[in-house]
Amino acid sequence: MTDTVEKIVHVLVSGRVQGVGFRAWTIEEAEARRLRGWVRNLRSGGVEAVFAGPPQAVDAMVEASRKGPYGARVTGVEARTGTAAELALAQGYSGFAHLPTR
């Protein structure tokens, strides 16, 4: 029998992460790892995301977020256990969601 444990992580990324394709990169990387969730810019200049899926894939995505795409300069990543309510913000979107700025 296969375990189907899912991990949900909420991430806040700070640094030079807007205007460098961070959201598009996040969507591409998350979909390549077959993760569910969403990403959005924050008015404060950071990027917020929720990743859900197999624990190993989620952990790899969080680690990848510490570097980001070419041109990004990540200065901090805060990761904590996410909630089903946070993940539900992506309902109604297909694939990994790009939510409006908050």
Protein backbone atom coordinates (compact mmCIF):
# COMPACT_ATOMS: atom_id res chain seq x y z
CA MET A 1 0.00 0.00 0.00
CA THR A 2 1.35 3.44 -0.94
CA ASP A 3 1.24 6.36 1.48
CA THR A 4 -0.33 9.47 -0.04
CA VAL A 5 0.83 11.94 2.57
CA GLU A 6 0.61 15.52 1.40
CA LYS A 7 2.63 18.38 2.83
CA ILE A 8 1.49 22.01 2.66
CA VAL A 9 4.01 24.82 3.14
CA HIS A 10 3.42 28.59 3.16
CA VAL A 11 6.44 30.61 2.00
CA LEU A 12 7.34 34.31 2.10
CA VAL A 13 10.31 35.27 -0.08
CA SER A 14 12.07 38.61 0.31
CA GLY A 15 14.77 40.43 -1.61
CA ARG A 16 14.81 41.47 -5.26
CA VAL A 17 12.06 39.07 -6.25
CA GLN A 18 9.67 41.29 -8.23
CA GLY A 19 10.32 42.32 -11.81
CA VAL A 20 12.63 39.33 -12.36
CA GLY A 21 10.12 36.64 -13.37
CA PHE A 22 9.95 35.05 -9.92
CA ARG A 23 6.24 34.20 -10.15
CA ALA A 24 6.52 32.67 -13.63
CA TRP A 25 9.60 30.72 -12.51
CA THR A 26 7.74 29.51 -9.40
CA ILE A 27 4.81 28.26 -11.48
CA GLU A 28 7.13 26.46 -13.91
CA GLU A 29 9.17 24.85 -11.12
CA ALA A 30 6.11 23.87 -9.08
CA GLU A 31 4.35 22.32 -12.07
CA ALA A 32 7.52 20.40 -12.98
CA ARG A 33 7.41 18.94 -9.46
CA ARG A 34 3.66 18.25 -9.83
CA LEU A 35 2.81 20.50 -6.90
CA ARG A 36 -0.49 22.25 -6.28
CA GLY A 37 -0.81 25.74 -4.84
CA TRP A 38 -0.37 29.36 -5.76
CA VAL A 39 2.01 32.33 -5.91
CA ARG A 40 1.49 36.10 -5.77
CA ASN A 41 3.36 39.37 -5.36
CA LEU A 42 3.01 41.34 -2.16
CA ARG A 43 2.75 45.12 -2.11
CA SER A 44 5.62 45.07 0.39
CA GLY A 45 7.91 43.85 -2.42
CA GLY A 46 8.05 40.16 -1.55
CA VAL A 47 6.51 37.06 -3.03
CA GLU A 48 4.12 34.72 -1.20
CA ALA A 49 3.42 31.12 -2.18
CA VAL A 50 1.77 27.94 -0.96
CA PHE A 51 3.12 24.57 -2.12
CA ALA A 52 1.29 21.26 -1.63
CA GLY A 53 2.25 17.76 -2.62
CA PRO A 54 4.63 14.95 -1.72
CA PRO A 55 6.89 16.07 1.15
CA GLN A 56 10.14 15.56 -0.77
CA ALA A 57 8.91 17.63 -3.73
CA VAL A 58 7.62 20.41 -1.46
CA ASP A 59 10.92 20.54 0.42
CA ALA A 60 12.83 20.71 -2.89
CA MET A 61 10.63 23.61 -4.03
CA VAL A 62 11.22 25.52 -0.80
CA GLU A 63 14.97 25.03 -1.25
CA ALA A 64 14.80 26.16 -4.89
CA SER A 65 12.97 29.31 -3.73
CA ARG A 66 16.04 30.27 -1.72
CA LYS A 67 17.80 30.96 -5.03
CA GLY A 68 14.98 31.74 -7.47
CA PRO A 69 15.39 32.54 -11.16
CA TYR A 70 18.29 34.30 -12.84
CA GLY A 71 18.17 37.96 -11.85
CA ALA A 72 16.57 37.40 -8.46
CA ARG A 73 18.44 38.24 -5.28
CA VAL A 74 16.73 36.35 -2.48
CA THR A 75 17.61 37.69 0.97
CA GLY A 76 15.18 35.63 3.01
CA VAL A 77 12.72 32.74 2.89
CA GLU A 78 10.27 32.20 5.73
CA ALA A 79 8.61 28.79 5.50
CA ARG A 80 5.98 27.39 7.83
CA THR A 81 3.37 24.66 7.74
CA GLY A 82 0.54 25.80 5.51
CA THR A 83 -3.17 25.20 5.95
CA ALA A 84 -5.90 23.70 3.79
CA ALA A 85 -7.62 27.12 3.91
CA GLU A 86 -4.53 28.79 2.42
CA LEU A 87 -4.30 26.13 -0.29
CA ALA A 88 -8.01 26.62 -1.07
CA LEU A 89 -7.26 30.15 -2.33
CA ALA A 90 -6.23 28.41 -5.59
CA GLN A 91 -9.70 26.88 -6.14
CA GLY A 92 -11.11 27.79 -9.51
CA TYR A 93 -7.67 28.08 -11.15
CA SER A 94 -6.17 25.45 -13.41
CA GLY A 95 -2.65 24.29 -12.67
CA PHE A 96 -0.47 26.13 -10.20
CA ALA A 97 -2.26 29.45 -9.65
CA HIS A 98 -1.00 33.00 -10.09
CA LEU A 99 -3.11 35.02 -7.64
CA PRO A 100 -3.57 38.80 -7.73
CA THR A 101 -1.17 40.99 -5.75
CA ARG A 102 -2.05 41.44 -2.09
